Amino acid sequence: MKELLERAQHQCELCTASDSLELKVNLSTYQVPDSPRNIKDTAIIVCANCKNQLENEDAIDPNHWRCLNDSMWSTVPAVQVVVYRMLDHLKPHGWSVDLLDMMYLEDDTRQWAEDGIHRGPKIIHKDVNGNILQQGDSIVLIKDLDVKGANFIAKRGTPVRNINLVHDNANQIEGRVGDQHIVILTQYVKKTS
């Protein structure tokens, strides 16, 4: 946390609130949800007010988030992702749309931000036993599967590591069997990790 505080200059990276003798804003670390595993810095420093609103949708005060007008120019990808997601959430209030239009993100940062925006009902992937599957989990096939277009059969008991979730279909995951990248129906897998 010490490195993050130094990077943030001991203030909230979203609203710039800082601890002082008169005001205790309780700075803490906020881990950016839905972060890719290959990203090193996936946390930011936030004040208690921002953290509460990030973690509790019912507590969001749109006027508080006008501070994003300044923080959207941060060069820290994790901050950019949180700003982008909050601005997207605030679209019904109008003013955030203009900020989103002005905001520039590198392609990989934009993808990271978009991956964490859940529009509509949240899709939950479950294995045959009802266990929730997460990005990067390992599974095992519980049935021989004829892989269409690849002319082979993925045998029962075959382990598949580091799966990817199909974001728009709760019944499908992706994984590598041998040297083939395939789509697998969740009804034919059992979670192992």
Protein backbone atom coordinates (compact mmCIF):
# COMPACT_ATOMS: atom_id res chain seq x y z
CA MET A 1 0.00 0.00 0.00
CA LYS A 2 2.94 2.32 0.62
CA GLU A 3 3.83 2.38 -3.11
CA LEU A 4 0.22 3.06 -4.04
CA LEU A 5 -0.01 5.93 -1.53
CA GLU A 6 3.15 7.47 -2.97
CA ARG A 7 1.81 7.12 -6.52
CA ALA A 8 -1.46 8.74 -5.39
CA GLN A 9 0.40 11.49 -3.50
CA HIS A 10 -1.52 10.47 -0.35
CA GLN A 11 -4.91 11.40 -1.78
CA CYS A 12 -7.89 9.63 -3.32
CA GLU A 13 -7.09 8.90 -6.98
CA LEU A 14 -10.71 9.62 -7.91
CA CYS A 15 -11.84 12.70 -5.95
CA THR A 16 -8.45 13.92 -4.59
CA ALA A 17 -9.65 13.91 -0.95
CA SER A 18 -6.70 13.58 1.41
CA ASP A 19 -6.18 12.98 5.10
CA SER A 20 -5.63 16.13 7.12
CA LEU A 21 -5.82 17.09 10.79
CA GLU A 22 -9.34 18.47 10.34
CA LEU A 23 -10.68 15.77 8.06
CA LYS A 24 -10.13 12.02 8.15
CA VAL A 25 -11.08 10.50 4.79
CA ASN A 26 -9.58 7.07 5.55
CA LEU A 27 -7.63 6.30 2.41
CA SER A 28 -7.52 2.63 1.49
CA THR A 29 -6.81 0.27 -1.37
CA TYR A 30 -9.56 -0.58 -3.85
CA GLN A 31 -9.00 -3.67 -5.97
CA VAL A 32 -10.46 -3.11 -9.45
CA PRO A 33 -13.04 -5.88 -10.12
CA ASP A 34 -12.79 -8.04 -13.23
CA SER A 35 -9.09 -7.28 -13.71
CA PRO A 36 -7.08 -9.41 -16.13
CA ARG A 37 -4.55 -11.73 -14.49
CA ASN A 38 -1.67 -10.40 -16.58
CA ILE A 39 -1.99 -6.82 -15.25
CA LYS A 40 0.36 -5.92 -12.37
CA ASP A 41 -1.26 -2.78 -10.96
CA THR A 42 -4.96 -3.53 -10.43
CA ALA A 43 -5.54 -1.45 -7.31
CA ILE A 44 -6.02 2.24 -6.64
CA ILE A 45 -6.14 4.46 -3.56
CA VAL A 46 -9.61 5.74 -2.68
CA CYS A 47 -11.27 7.59 0.19
CA ALA A 48 -13.98 5.98 2.30
CA ASN A 49 -16.71 7.92 0.49
CA CYS A 50 -15.64 6.79 -2.98
CA LYS A 51 -15.06 3.20 -1.81
CA ASN A 52 -18.52 3.01 -0.26
CA GLN A 53 -20.12 4.21 -3.47
CA LEU A 54 -18.02 1.90 -5.65
CA GLU A 55 -19.03 -1.12 -3.56
CA ASN A 56 -22.66 -0.15 -2.92
CA GLU A 57 -24.69 0.90 -5.95
CA ASP A 58 -27.50 2.25 -3.77
CA ALA A 59 -25.10 4.76 -2.15
CA ILE A 60 -24.03 6.43 -5.41
CA ASP A 61 -24.32 10.23 -5.33
CA PRO A 62 -24.01 11.45 -8.94
CA ASN A 63 -22.89 14.92 -7.87
CA HIS A 64 -19.93 13.48 -5.95
CA TRP A 65 -18.68 11.88 -9.17
CA ARG A 66 -18.34 15.16 -11.03
CA CYS A 67 -14.77 14.92 -9.72
CA LEU A 68 -14.15 12.43 -12.53
CA ASN A 69 -13.79 15.45 -14.80
CA ASP A 70 -10.23 15.72 -13.42
CA SER A 71 -9.36 12.10 -12.60
CA MET A 72 -10.28 10.91 -16.09
CA TRP A 73 -6.93 12.34 -17.24
CA SER A 74 -4.92 10.05 -14.94
CA THR A 75 -2.15 8.10 -16.65
CA VAL A 76 -2.72 5.09 -14.36
CA PRO A 77 -4.70 2.40 -16.25
CA ALA A 78 -6.46 1.10 -13.10
CA VAL A 79 -7.73 4.62 -12.35
CA GLN A 80 -8.81 5.06 -15.97
CA VAL A 81 -10.78 1.79 -15.79
CA VAL A 82 -12.64 2.80 -12.61
CA VAL A 83 -13.38 6.27 -14.02
CA TYR A 84 -14.65 4.82 -17.31
CA ARG A 85 -16.90 2.31 -15.54
CA MET A 86 -18.37 4.93 -13.21
CA LEU A 87 -18.99 7.37 -16.07
CA ASP A 88 -20.72 4.57 -17.97
CA HIS A 89 -22.87 3.85 -14.91
CA LEU A 90 -23.80 7.53 -14.67
CA LYS A 91 -24.91 7.85 -18.33
CA PRO A 92 -28.56 8.41 -17.35
CA HIS A 93 -27.49 11.69 -15.71
CA GLY A 94 -26.35 13.13 -19.05
CA TRP A 95 -23.22 15.02 -18.05
CA SER A 96 -21.09 11.86 -17.94
CA VAL A 97 -21.70 11.10 -21.63
CA ASP A 98 -19.66 14.16 -22.64
CA LEU A 99 -16.79 13.07 -20.40
CA LEU A 100 -16.87 9.55 -21.85
CA ASP A 101 -16.67 11.02 -25.35
CA MET A 102 -13.55 13.01 -24.39
CA MET A 103 -11.83 10.18 -22.54
CA TYR A 104 -8.95 8.43 -24.30
CA LEU A 105 -7.96 4.87 -23.38
CA GLU A 106 -5.44 2.52 -24.94
CA ASP A 107 -7.17 -0.46 -26.56
CA ASP A 108 -6.20 -2.97 -23.84
CA THR A 109 -7.28 -0.57 -21.06
CA ARG A 110 -10.61 0.07 -22.81
CA GLN A 111 -11.15 -3.70 -23.11
CA TRP A 112 -10.38 -4.12 -19.39
CA ALA A 113 -12.89 -1.37 -18.57
CA GLU A 114 -15.57 -2.81 -20.87
CA ASP A 115 -15.09 -6.33 -19.49
CA GLY A 116 -16.14 -5.10 -16.06
CA ILE A 117 -19.33 -3.39 -17.21
CA HIS A 118 -22.28 -5.67 -16.70
CA ARG A 119 -25.24 -4.53 -18.74
CA GLY A 120 -28.44 -6.39 -18.15
CA PRO A 121 -28.68 -9.41 -15.88
CA LYS A 122 -25.37 -10.79 -14.69
CA ILE A 123 -24.41 -14.03 -16.40
CA ILE A 124 -23.25 -16.76 -14.03
CA HIS A 125 -21.49 -19.84 -15.37
CA LYS A 126 -22.02 -23.08 -13.43
CA ASP A 127 -20.63 -26.58 -13.87
CA VAL A 128 -22.73 -29.76 -13.88
CA ASN A 129 -22.80 -29.76 -10.05
CA GLY A 130 -23.89 -26.12 -9.77
CA ASN A 131 -20.44 -24.81 -8.77
CA ILE A 132 -19.80 -21.28 -10.02
CA LEU A 133 -17.07 -21.10 -12.66
CA GLN A 134 -14.67 -18.15 -12.71
CA GLN A 135 -12.26 -16.89 -15.36
CA GLY A 136 -9.03 -18.93 -15.13
CA ASP A 137 -10.54 -21.95 -13.31
CA SER A 138 -9.61 -25.51 -14.17
CA ILE A 139 -12.24 -28.05 -15.14
CA VAL A 140 -12.43 -31.67 -16.23
CA LEU A 141 -14.69 -33.05 -18.97
CA ILE A 142 -17.35 -35.47 -17.71
CA LYS A 143 -18.31 -36.82 -21.14
CA ASP A 144 -16.61 -37.62 -24.45
CA LEU A 145 -17.18 -34.60 -26.69
CA ASP A 146 -17.08 -34.66 -30.49
CA VAL A 147 -15.30 -31.41 -31.40
CA LYS A 148 -16.95 -30.07 -34.53
CA GLY A 149 -14.61 -28.87 -37.25
CA ALA A 150 -11.52 -30.31 -35.56
CA ASN A 151 -12.10 -34.01 -36.30
CA PHE A 152 -11.26 -35.31 -32.84
CA ILE A 153 -13.00 -36.37 -29.66
CA ALA A 154 -12.17 -34.69 -26.36
CA LYS A 155 -12.19 -37.64 -23.97
CA ARG A 156 -13.98 -37.82 -20.63
CA GLY A 157 -11.57 -36.94 -17.81
CA THR A 158 -9.56 -34.51 -19.95
CA PRO A 159 -8.41 -31.56 -17.81
CA VAL A 160 -8.82 -28.05 -19.17
CA ARG A 161 -6.88 -25.33 -17.37
CA ASN A 162 -7.27 -21.55 -17.37
CA ILE A 163 -10.75 -21.43 -18.91
CA ASN A 164 -12.33 -18.32 -20.39
CA LEU A 165 -15.97 -17.48 -19.79
CA VAL A 166 -18.20 -16.65 -22.76
CA HIS A 167 -19.56 -13.33 -21.49
CA ASP A 168 -22.91 -13.44 -23.28
CA ASN A 169 -23.75 -17.13 -22.76
CA ALA A 170 -23.89 -18.79 -19.32
CA ASN A 171 -23.86 -22.24 -20.93
CA GLN A 172 -20.51 -21.90 -22.70
CA ILE A 173 -16.86 -21.62 -21.71
CA GLU A 174 -13.70 -21.69 -23.81
CA GLY A 175 -10.58 -23.69 -23.21
CA ARG A 176 -7.65 -25.46 -24.80
CA VAL A 177 -7.73 -29.22 -25.31
CA GLY A 178 -4.42 -30.36 -26.75
CA ASP A 179 -3.51 -27.76 -29.34
CA GLN A 180 -7.13 -26.82 -30.08
CA HIS A 181 -9.02 -23.86 -28.61
CA ILE A 182 -12.63 -25.02 -28.25
CA VAL A 183 -16.01 -23.92 -26.89
CA ILE A 184 -17.35 -26.29 -24.24
CA LEU A 185 -20.87 -26.52 -22.83
CA THR A 186 -20.89 -26.07 -19.05
CA GLN A 187 -23.23 -29.06 -18.63
CA TYR A 188 -20.31 -31.34 -19.59
CA VAL A 189 -17.69 -29.99 -17.15
CA LYS A 190 -16.83 -30.33 -13.49
CA LYS A 191 -14.79 -27.67 -11.65
CA THR A 192 -11.48 -28.87 -10.20
CA SER A 193 -9.98 -25.65 -8.79
